[in-house]
Amino acid sequence: MIYLGDHVRTRVSVCGHDDFVIKLPNSEGVVQLEPGATTTIGWKTEDCQALDAS
């Protein structure tokens, strides 16, 4: 985990890949992750953008 003031970035393992980085708000009421913990991740459709494969 990397503390960056108003948020924390952490690297997680997703589908066997351990280079997935998530950004969590550093505020009250936000679940704090612990090393080795299992969690559910997701995002809003409007926050996604498809990229051309070429």
Protein backbone atom coordinates (compact mmCIF):
# COMPACT_ATOMS: atom_id res chain seq x y z
CA MET A 1 0.00 0.00 0.00
CA ILE A 2 1.15 3.51 -0.79
CA TYR A 3 -0.24 6.38 1.32
CA LEU A 4 -0.89 9.44 -0.86
CA GLY A 5 -2.71 11.81 1.49
CA ASP A 6 -6.37 11.77 0.45
CA HIS A 7 -6.13 8.26 -1.02
CA VAL A 8 -4.22 4.99 -0.81
CA ARG A 9 -3.00 2.94 -3.78
CA THR A 10 -2.54 -0.76 -3.42
CA ARG A 11 -1.55 -3.57 -5.74
CA VAL A 12 -3.90 -6.57 -5.77
CA SER A 13 -4.01 -9.93 -7.49
CA VAL A 14 -6.86 -10.21 -10.02
CA CYS A 15 -7.41 -13.39 -12.06
CA GLY A 16 -3.83 -14.51 -11.40
CA HIS A 17 -2.24 -11.18 -12.32
CA ASP A 18 -0.59 -9.32 -9.44
CA ASP A 19 -0.07 -5.99 -11.20
CA PHE A 20 -3.61 -4.60 -10.78
CA VAL A 21 -3.57 -1.27 -8.89
CA ILE A 22 -6.60 0.16 -7.11
CA LYS A 23 -7.11 3.60 -5.59
CA LEU A 24 -9.10 3.89 -2.35
CA PRO A 25 -10.22 7.10 -0.66
CA ASN A 26 -8.43 7.69 2.65
CA SER A 27 -11.49 8.67 4.65
CA GLU A 28 -13.82 7.47 7.38
CA GLY A 29 -16.25 4.75 6.40
CA VAL A 30 -14.02 3.31 3.66
CA VAL A 31 -12.95 -0.29 4.20
CA GLN A 32 -9.22 -0.54 4.82
CA LEU A 33 -7.60 -3.53 3.13
CA GLU A 34 -5.19 -5.82 4.96
CA PRO A 35 -2.44 -7.84 3.25
CA GLY A 36 -3.79 -11.25 2.22
CA ALA A 37 -7.44 -10.21 2.58
CA THR A 38 -10.03 -11.10 -0.06
CA THR A 39 -12.25 -8.32 -1.37
CA THR A 40 -14.67 -7.56 -4.19
CA ILE A 41 -13.72 -4.95 -6.79
CA GLY A 42 -15.80 -3.19 -9.42
CA TRP A 43 -16.28 0.07 -11.29
CA LYS A 44 -18.99 2.09 -12.97
CA THR A 45 -19.64 1.55 -16.68
CA GLU A 46 -19.41 5.30 -17.32
CA ASP A 47 -15.86 5.28 -15.89
CA CYS A 48 -14.67 2.83 -18.59
CA GLN A 49 -13.26 3.48 -22.04
CA ALA A 50 -12.60 0.80 -24.66
CA LEU A 51 -9.24 1.10 -26.42
CA ASP A 52 -8.37 0.02 -29.95
CA ALA A 53 -6.40 -3.25 -29.80
CA SER A 54 -3.91 -2.10 -32.45
